[in-house]
Each structure stands twice: as C-alpha cells, then as structure tokens.
Amino acid sequence: MKTLQIKEEIEKYILVNGGLYANLPHKEFKNCSVIIPNRSEIIIKELKRHKNIKTGIDIGSFWGSLCYDLENVGYDMLAVEHADITFSILNYLKKKTKYKFKTKKVDVLKGFKAKADMLICLNLFHHFVKKEARYNAFINFLEKAEFKIMFFQAVKEGEKQMQNAFKQFTNEDYIDLIKKHTKKKKVKLILDGDRKLYKIW
C-alpha cells in the first residue's frame, strides 16, 4: 500500500471507532482515545514472576501496541499479522520509530510454527473455531507450538459473531483445549470482565 492510502486507513479507523484500538507511542496519537484497557501492564506484571522469558510472539498483533510496550522492558518480540491492510499499517508505524521488534505477515494456521518463550494470543482464537477446516488446523497449530507461557484472551461468550460457528466454546472450553493440545497444566485469570485474559503455563 502507498503511504497516502495507509494514512487514510488509519484516519478512517480512528474516526469510525472513536480512537485507537490500543496505546501506541507515536506523537501523533498522543491525544487519541483508546478503545480497550491497557493489557501490557498486566502482562508485564505477570512476566516478572517468571525467569528466562526473553522472546515473544504477538499473534494477531494488529498495529503492534503490545510489541512496543514489551520491547520497552527488554523482550525480543515478533508481531504477526495476516490481514493485508493491517500488516501495511503495522509496518508503516513501526518504521517511524526506532523500535527493533520484527514483523511477519502469515496465516498462522498454514504451517507457521509458533516458537518463543511467550505467545500472546488476544481476541484471536474465536476466529479459528468458526469453520471445521480452520478448527482442525487450529488443533495442529496448538500441538506444534513451543512456548513457556501463553497469554490468551477470549471474546465475550455468546457474541453475535459466533452464532453460526463450528464450535460454540465457553472460556473454559478454550482453556481445556489449549491445555490438552499444548500439555500445559497451570491457568490463572489475570483480567476479569467481558473479555477475560488468562495466563497459561
């Protein structure tokens, strides 16, 4: 995408949604409202409880908010996105800074092996249970993933977008599925609300 197109998409998103999706460090967004609470502080607080966590992958990173915040406190991050427009904006915004985190455009259900100390999967997995083929690929993704900690956030149970999904999962169903296919045993709710945030390790 050309720079002008990217700028227009950013402006359109902010206008339609009433602000940024999440905090960004850029000066031009200093006075922008933010749609969701700051999840970085909660995640960083939990990471401090663990030793030897150095690398992370933010899957479905959107415009990279978490990668900026986690790089600020010393983590080596990779921002992964699949959507063309979103990935273009992610790269455009990152290049305007001195941040070093990497970016990758990929559909993680098509052969991508998630291997890092932490995986961040926020408001993502519900997209993987809407169709049977994607659900089967999701299971394969989980089984091949290598990580020490996963941060997982689920959408609100019963959201309209999930009415015709292949799997009608509760938060507990997602947790059970992740634990089963990643062999992780511990779960902690670290943010309550409509979209609950969990740590799995």
Protein backbone atom coordinates (compact mmCIF):
# COMPACT_ATOMS: atom_id res chain seq x y z
CA MET A 1 0.00 0.00 0.00
CA LYS A 2 1.10 3.55 -0.67
CA THR A 3 1.76 5.90 2.24
CA LEU A 4 -1.26 8.07 1.45
CA GLN A 5 -3.56 5.03 1.46
CA ILE A 6 -2.13 3.88 4.78
CA LYS A 7 -2.65 7.30 6.36
CA GLU A 8 -6.23 7.34 5.09
CA GLU A 9 -6.90 3.90 6.58
CA ILE A 10 -5.51 5.00 9.97
CA GLU A 11 -7.65 8.14 9.96
CA LYS A 12 -10.74 6.17 8.93
CA TYR A 13 -10.24 3.62 11.71
CA ILE A 14 -9.87 6.30 14.38
CA LEU A 15 -12.92 8.18 13.08
CA VAL A 16 -15.18 5.11 12.85
CA ASN A 17 -14.11 3.59 16.17
CA GLY A 18 -13.65 6.74 18.19
CA GLY A 19 -9.95 6.21 18.84
CA LEU A 20 -7.07 3.77 18.67
CA TYR A 21 -7.60 0.10 19.43
CA ALA A 22 -4.72 0.21 21.94
CA ASN A 23 -1.95 2.56 23.09
CA LEU A 24 0.82 3.47 20.65
CA PRO A 25 3.99 5.51 21.36
CA HIS A 26 3.75 7.81 18.32
CA LYS A 27 3.45 11.55 18.96
CA GLU A 28 0.57 11.96 16.52
CA PHE A 29 -1.56 9.67 18.69
CA LYS A 30 -0.75 11.40 21.96
CA ASN A 31 -4.26 12.82 22.39
CA CYS A 32 -6.17 9.89 20.89
CA SER A 33 -8.70 7.98 22.93
CA VAL A 34 -8.05 4.25 23.38
CA ILE A 35 -10.79 1.65 22.97
CA ILE A 36 -9.50 -1.14 25.22
CA PRO A 37 -7.83 -1.14 28.66
CA ASN A 38 -4.05 -1.32 28.82
CA ARG A 39 -3.26 -5.04 28.86
CA SER A 40 0.51 -4.53 28.66
CA GLU A 41 0.83 -3.56 32.32
CA ILE A 42 -0.99 -6.71 33.43
CA ILE A 43 1.08 -8.95 31.16
CA ILE A 44 4.38 -7.35 32.21
CA LYS A 45 3.44 -7.76 35.88
CA GLU A 46 2.86 -11.48 35.31
CA LEU A 47 6.07 -11.91 33.31
CA LYS A 48 8.08 -10.60 36.24
CA ARG A 49 7.03 -13.72 38.15
CA HIS A 50 8.92 -15.91 35.66
CA LYS A 51 12.61 -16.26 34.91
CA ASN A 52 14.19 -16.91 31.50
CA ILE A 53 11.44 -15.30 29.44
CA LYS A 54 13.20 -13.36 26.71
CA THR A 55 11.34 -13.83 23.41
CA GLY A 56 7.72 -13.43 22.44
CA ILE A 57 5.33 -13.65 19.52
CA ASP A 58 2.22 -11.49 19.43
CA ILE A 59 -0.14 -13.35 17.10
CA GLY A 60 -2.79 -11.08 15.66
CA SER A 61 -0.73 -8.08 16.73
CA PHE A 62 -2.90 -5.53 14.89
CA TRP A 63 -0.85 -2.28 14.95
CA GLY A 64 1.76 -3.65 17.36
CA SER A 65 0.83 -1.99 20.65
CA LEU A 66 1.97 -4.88 22.85
CA CYS A 67 5.26 -5.28 20.99
CA TYR A 68 6.18 -1.64 21.62
CA ASP A 69 5.42 -1.98 25.33
CA LEU A 70 7.18 -5.32 25.75
CA GLU A 71 10.28 -4.20 23.86
CA ASN A 72 10.42 -1.22 26.21
CA VAL A 73 11.01 -3.60 29.11
CA GLY A 74 13.53 -5.78 27.31
CA TYR A 75 11.67 -8.53 25.45
CA ASP A 76 12.59 -9.57 21.90
CA MET A 77 9.25 -9.51 20.07
CA LEU A 78 7.76 -10.66 16.78
CA ALA A 79 4.47 -9.11 15.61
CA VAL A 80 2.45 -11.46 13.42
CA GLU A 81 -0.47 -10.32 11.27
CA HIS A 82 -2.41 -11.85 8.39
CA ALA A 83 -4.64 -9.07 7.00
CA ASP A 84 -3.01 -7.05 4.21
CA ILE A 85 -4.15 -3.59 5.31
CA THR A 86 -3.39 -4.22 8.98
CA PHE A 87 0.09 -5.51 8.19
CA SER A 88 0.82 -2.49 6.00
CA ILE A 89 -0.18 -0.13 8.81
CA LEU A 90 1.82 -2.15 11.35
CA ASN A 91 4.99 -1.83 9.26
CA TYR A 92 4.38 1.81 8.38
CA LEU A 93 4.01 2.80 12.04
CA LYS A 94 6.97 0.71 13.18
CA LYS A 95 9.30 2.26 10.58
CA LYS A 96 8.53 5.69 12.01
CA THR A 97 10.18 4.62 15.28
CA LYS A 98 13.49 3.19 16.45
CA TYR A 99 11.89 0.01 17.76
CA LYS A 100 13.55 -3.24 16.70
CA PHE A 101 10.81 -5.85 17.00
CA LYS A 102 10.26 -7.89 13.85
CA THR A 103 7.07 -8.26 11.85
CA LYS A 104 5.76 -11.17 9.81
CA LYS A 105 2.76 -11.49 7.51
CA VAL A 106 1.41 -15.03 7.73
CA ASP A 107 -1.70 -17.09 8.32
CA VAL A 108 -0.57 -18.98 11.43
CA LEU A 109 -2.85 -21.90 10.59
CA LYS A 110 -0.95 -22.60 7.38
CA GLY A 111 2.28 -24.17 8.54
CA PHE A 112 3.54 -21.46 10.90
CA LYS A 113 5.33 -22.89 13.93
CA ALA A 114 4.94 -20.64 16.95
CA LYS A 115 8.18 -21.00 18.90
CA ALA A 116 9.08 -18.45 21.59
CA ASP A 117 9.24 -18.12 25.35
CA MET A 118 5.81 -16.48 25.35
CA LEU A 119 2.91 -16.45 22.95
CA ILE A 120 0.36 -13.65 23.07
CA CYS A 121 -2.99 -14.64 21.59
CA LEU A 122 -5.57 -11.99 22.44
CA ASN A 123 -9.07 -11.96 20.93
CA LEU A 124 -7.85 -14.35 18.26
CA PHE A 125 -8.80 -17.98 18.78
CA HIS A 126 -12.54 -17.47 18.20
CA HIS A 127 -11.69 -16.89 14.54
CA PHE A 128 -10.20 -20.38 14.45
CA VAL A 129 -13.34 -22.22 15.58
CA LYS A 130 -15.85 -20.76 13.13
CA LYS A 131 -15.21 -23.31 10.36
CA GLU A 132 -14.35 -27.01 10.67
CA ALA A 133 -11.25 -26.86 8.48
CA ARG A 134 -9.85 -23.91 10.42
CA TYR A 135 -10.63 -25.64 13.69
CA ASN A 136 -8.66 -28.74 12.63
CA ALA A 137 -5.75 -26.52 11.61
CA PHE A 138 -6.02 -24.76 14.97
CA ILE A 139 -5.53 -28.06 16.79
CA ASN A 140 -2.43 -28.72 14.69
CA PHE A 141 -1.14 -25.22 15.46
CA LEU A 142 -1.52 -25.79 19.21
CA GLU A 143 0.18 -29.19 19.10
CA LYS A 144 3.22 -27.82 17.30
CA ALA A 145 3.56 -24.61 19.31
CA GLU A 146 6.58 -24.37 21.63
CA PHE A 147 6.36 -21.88 24.49
CA LYS A 148 6.71 -21.43 28.23
CA ILE A 149 3.80 -19.02 28.78
CA MET A 150 0.73 -18.15 26.74
CA PHE A 151 -1.43 -15.10 27.31
CA PHE A 152 -4.90 -15.86 25.99
CA GLN A 153 -7.92 -13.57 25.80
CA ALA A 154 -11.34 -14.82 24.78
CA VAL A 155 -14.22 -12.88 23.29
CA LYS A 156 -17.35 -12.43 25.37
CA GLU A 157 -19.33 -15.63 25.49
CA GLY A 158 -22.41 -15.52 23.26
CA GLU A 159 -21.19 -12.74 20.96
CA LYS A 160 -23.30 -12.45 17.81
CA GLN A 161 -20.36 -13.19 15.54
CA MET A 162 -20.19 -16.71 16.97
CA GLN A 163 -23.82 -17.71 16.38
CA ASN A 164 -23.08 -19.96 13.40
CA ALA A 165 -19.59 -21.07 14.43
CA PHE A 166 -18.50 -24.69 14.06
CA LYS A 167 -17.68 -24.75 17.78
CA GLN A 168 -19.62 -22.85 20.43
CA PHE A 169 -16.92 -22.53 23.08
CA THR A 170 -17.06 -21.11 26.56
CA ASN A 171 -13.90 -19.66 28.10
CA GLU A 172 -13.43 -22.94 29.95
CA ASP A 173 -13.71 -24.88 26.67
CA TYR A 174 -10.88 -22.81 25.17
CA ILE A 175 -8.74 -23.31 28.26
CA ASP A 176 -9.32 -27.08 28.24
CA LEU A 177 -8.49 -27.27 24.53
CA ILE A 178 -5.27 -25.26 24.90
CA LYS A 179 -4.12 -27.29 27.90
CA LYS A 180 -4.89 -30.58 26.18
CA HIS A 181 -3.00 -29.83 22.99
CA THR A 182 -0.06 -27.89 24.44
CA LYS A 183 0.44 -30.08 27.54
CA LYS A 184 0.34 -27.05 29.83
CA LYS A 185 -1.13 -27.53 33.29
CA LYS A 186 -1.48 -24.16 35.00
CA VAL A 187 -4.02 -21.41 34.35
CA LYS A 188 -4.52 -18.04 36.01
CA LEU A 189 -7.19 -15.43 35.32
CA ILE A 190 -5.31 -12.13 35.25
CA LEU A 191 -8.03 -9.79 33.96
CA ASP A 192 -11.74 -10.25 34.54
CA GLY A 193 -14.55 -8.72 32.50
CA ASP A 194 -16.43 -9.43 29.28
CA ARG A 195 -13.20 -10.48 27.59
CA LYS A 196 -11.22 -12.37 30.19
CA LEU A 197 -7.43 -12.56 30.00
CA TYR A 198 -5.63 -15.72 31.11
CA LYS A 199 -2.06 -16.83 31.64
CA ILE A 200 -1.40 -20.46 30.73
CA TRP A 201 1.88 -22.18 31.56
